[in-house]
Amino acid sequence: MFIYITKRLLWVIPTILTVLLLLFSLSYLLPGDPADIILGPRATPEMAAELESRLGLDNPWYQSYLIYLQNIIKGDLGTSIFRDRSVLKVILDVLPYTVILTLAGMGLAVFNGISIGLLAANYNNSYFEKFLTMLSFITASTPT
């Protein structure tokens, strides 16, 4: 069991690196120039070049990816281009609301699951039990 857990934990690092690489690559493959999107249509080429230099968009993608990884390891998630604030501060500002919504959703799911389970057990081998089972499968597989 210890070996199994160790193997699974060792796979966490390559999995996280792969997901980060995919997300980073997707941001490079998106159409449009980030400088044009941020600055708008009235931006001069000099303004766009200065912004690209400041954001590190003038580096090759692999160099930008390594800088991205270094910053994530240091806990620096960068600055939000839309709010002009630290991304970490933006996340921490909304984290209490996220926790409240998550706990409320989990509580509702547990309550509904127990209620449907008790009803299904009470009406064992009936059409009502089959309906409740189907309903629970549908609600469990439906994205929120």
Protein backbone atom coordinates (compact mmCIF):
# COMPACT_ATOMS: atom_id res chain seq x y z
CA MET A 1 0.00 0.00 0.00
CA PHE A 2 2.87 2.37 0.83
CA ILE A 3 4.45 1.76 -2.58
CA TYR A 4 1.14 2.42 -4.34
CA ILE A 5 0.63 5.72 -2.50
CA THR A 6 4.23 6.75 -3.18
CA LYS A 7 3.86 6.03 -6.90
CA ARG A 8 0.63 8.00 -7.05
CA LEU A 9 2.20 10.95 -5.22
CA LEU A 10 5.20 10.92 -7.53
CA TRP A 11 2.87 11.20 -10.52
CA VAL A 12 1.47 14.46 -9.13
CA ILE A 13 4.48 16.49 -10.27
CA PRO A 14 4.50 15.42 -13.95
CA THR A 15 0.72 15.75 -14.06
CA ILE A 16 0.81 19.32 -12.75
CA LEU A 17 3.65 20.22 -15.13
CA THR A 18 1.72 18.76 -18.08
CA VAL A 19 -1.46 20.64 -17.19
CA LEU A 20 0.49 23.89 -16.77
CA LEU A 21 2.21 23.33 -20.13
CA LEU A 22 -1.13 22.71 -21.85
CA LEU A 23 -2.72 25.80 -20.32
CA PHE A 24 0.31 27.93 -21.11
CA SER A 25 0.38 26.63 -24.70
CA LEU A 26 -3.32 27.37 -25.14
CA SER A 27 -2.72 30.98 -24.14
CA TYR A 28 -0.09 31.23 -26.88
CA LEU A 29 -2.37 29.63 -29.47
CA LEU A 30 -5.28 32.00 -28.86
CA PRO A 31 -5.95 34.30 -31.79
CA GLY A 32 -5.11 37.96 -31.50
CA ASP A 33 -2.25 39.90 -30.02
CA PRO A 34 -2.51 40.44 -26.24
CA ALA A 35 -1.03 43.92 -26.57
CA ASP A 36 -3.73 44.91 -29.08
CA ILE A 37 -6.45 43.51 -26.82
CA ILE A 38 -5.15 45.30 -23.73
CA LEU A 39 -4.30 48.64 -25.35
CA GLY A 40 -7.18 48.79 -27.82
CA PRO A 41 -7.28 49.87 -31.45
CA ARG A 42 -5.67 53.29 -30.90
CA ALA A 43 -2.37 51.85 -29.66
CA THR A 44 0.78 52.76 -31.50
CA PRO A 45 3.34 50.09 -32.42
CA GLU A 46 5.72 51.62 -29.86
CA MET A 47 3.14 51.25 -27.10
CA ALA A 48 2.49 47.64 -28.13
CA ALA A 49 6.22 46.85 -28.19
CA GLU A 50 6.71 48.38 -24.72
CA LEU A 51 3.79 46.40 -23.29
CA GLU A 52 5.01 43.16 -24.90
CA SER A 53 8.44 43.76 -23.39
CA ARG A 54 6.95 44.49 -19.95
CA LEU A 55 4.78 41.36 -20.06
CA GLY A 56 7.59 39.21 -21.44
CA LEU A 57 5.70 38.46 -24.65
CA ASP A 58 8.79 39.18 -26.73
CA ASN A 59 10.58 36.10 -25.32
CA PRO A 60 10.43 32.68 -27.00
CA TRP A 61 7.58 30.53 -25.66
CA TYR A 62 9.85 28.05 -23.88
CA GLN A 63 11.67 30.84 -22.05
CA SER A 64 8.34 32.41 -21.07
CA TYR A 65 7.15 29.00 -19.84
CA LEU A 66 10.21 28.59 -17.61
CA ILE A 67 9.70 32.08 -16.19
CA TYR A 68 6.03 31.19 -15.65
CA LEU A 69 7.00 28.03 -13.73
CA GLN A 70 9.54 29.92 -11.61
CA ASN A 71 6.95 32.55 -10.72
CA ILE A 72 4.36 29.92 -9.79
CA ILE A 73 6.87 28.13 -7.56
CA LYS A 74 7.61 31.47 -5.85
CA GLY A 75 3.88 32.11 -5.40
CA ASP A 76 3.82 35.03 -7.83
CA LEU A 77 0.80 34.54 -10.08
CA GLY A 78 1.37 37.85 -11.82
CA THR A 79 -0.82 40.90 -12.27
CA SER A 80 -4.35 40.79 -13.64
CA ILE A 81 -4.44 42.71 -16.90
CA PHE A 82 -8.09 43.60 -16.38
CA ARG A 83 -8.00 44.64 -12.71
CA ASP A 84 -4.37 45.83 -12.52
CA ARG A 85 -3.97 43.97 -9.22
CA SER A 86 -2.10 40.90 -8.09
CA VAL A 87 -3.87 37.73 -9.25
CA LEU A 88 -3.26 36.17 -5.85
CA LYS A 89 -5.02 39.10 -4.14
CA VAL A 90 -7.94 38.82 -6.57
CA ILE A 91 -8.24 35.09 -5.77
CA LEU A 92 -7.98 35.71 -2.01
CA ASP A 93 -10.67 38.41 -2.22
CA VAL A 94 -13.23 35.99 -3.69
CA LEU A 95 -12.08 32.87 -1.82
CA PRO A 96 -14.55 33.28 1.10
CA TYR A 97 -17.49 33.40 -1.33
CA THR A 98 -16.16 30.36 -3.17
CA VAL A 99 -15.84 28.40 0.08
CA ILE A 100 -19.38 29.38 1.14
CA LEU A 101 -20.87 28.35 -2.21
CA THR A 102 -18.91 25.09 -2.23
CA LEU A 103 -19.96 24.14 1.28
CA ALA A 104 -23.58 25.06 0.58
CA GLY A 105 -23.57 22.94 -2.58
CA MET A 106 -21.96 20.01 -0.79
CA GLY A 107 -24.47 20.27 2.05
CA LEU A 108 -27.36 20.32 -0.39
CA ALA A 109 -25.92 17.34 -2.29
CA VAL A 110 -25.48 15.32 0.92
CA PHE A 111 -29.02 16.16 2.08
CA ASN A 112 -30.53 15.24 -1.29
CA GLY A 113 -28.44 12.08 -1.56
CA ILE A 114 -29.45 10.83 1.87
CA SER A 115 -33.12 11.72 1.26
CA ILE A 116 -33.25 9.99 -2.12
CA GLY A 117 -31.32 7.01 -0.74
CA LEU A 118 -33.75 6.58 2.15
CA LEU A 119 -36.75 6.84 -0.15
CA ALA A 120 -35.25 4.37 -2.61
CA ALA A 121 -34.50 1.91 0.21
CA ASN A 122 -38.05 2.28 1.53
CA TYR A 123 -39.59 1.51 -1.88
CA ASN A 124 -37.19 -1.28 -2.85
CA ASN A 125 -37.84 -3.05 -6.20
CA SER A 126 -40.58 -0.66 -7.29
CA TYR A 127 -40.94 1.73 -10.22
CA PHE A 128 -40.57 4.62 -7.78
CA GLU A 129 -37.19 3.24 -6.64
CA LYS A 130 -36.08 2.90 -10.27
CA PHE A 131 -37.20 6.47 -10.93
CA LEU A 132 -35.26 7.73 -7.90
CA THR A 133 -32.17 5.79 -8.97
CA MET A 134 -32.41 7.24 -12.48
CA LEU A 135 -32.96 10.72 -11.03
CA SER A 136 -29.89 10.41 -8.82
CA PHE A 137 -27.75 9.30 -11.78
CA ILE A 138 -28.98 12.20 -13.90
CA THR A 139 -28.44 14.80 -11.19
CA ALA A 140 -25.01 13.41 -10.33
CA SER A 141 -23.86 13.51 -13.95
CA THR A 142 -25.31 16.93 -14.81
CA PRO A 143 -22.74 19.73 -14.59
CA THR A 144 -23.64 22.57 -12.30
